[in-house]
């Protein structure tokens, strides 16, 4: 069984930065992709970024491209989301998720991810 635990959320002013961390524990060997999603109050969950666990290829939502960077440390079984130039519209609960398979065209689809963390809250004040 695999567990996913996020941390690093908090309150930050617009223009500021935060780094989220996501630690995997348990049987992590079948991890294919790790993704970050977010859900703002009253809105649908949306894809933020993803990284292929072995190859390191990264993908970003257009809304965060150039501001957010996803990275991973395979030794520490940890995924990071560095968030710079934060905007009030980035305010949301951020979730880390694990995908054990890959179907082309589905990297942004939350239902394709098997294991989810409990989320960490990010609030950006204007």
Foldseek 3Di string as FASTA:
>chain_A
DKAKAKDWADEEAAQAKTKMKIAIDDPCPLFAKKFKWWDAPPGDIWGAKMAGLPPGDIDGDPVQPPFWDWGDDNVRRMIMIIGGRDDQVVWTWMKMFTARDDDPPCPTPPVRTDYIYPTDTHGYHD
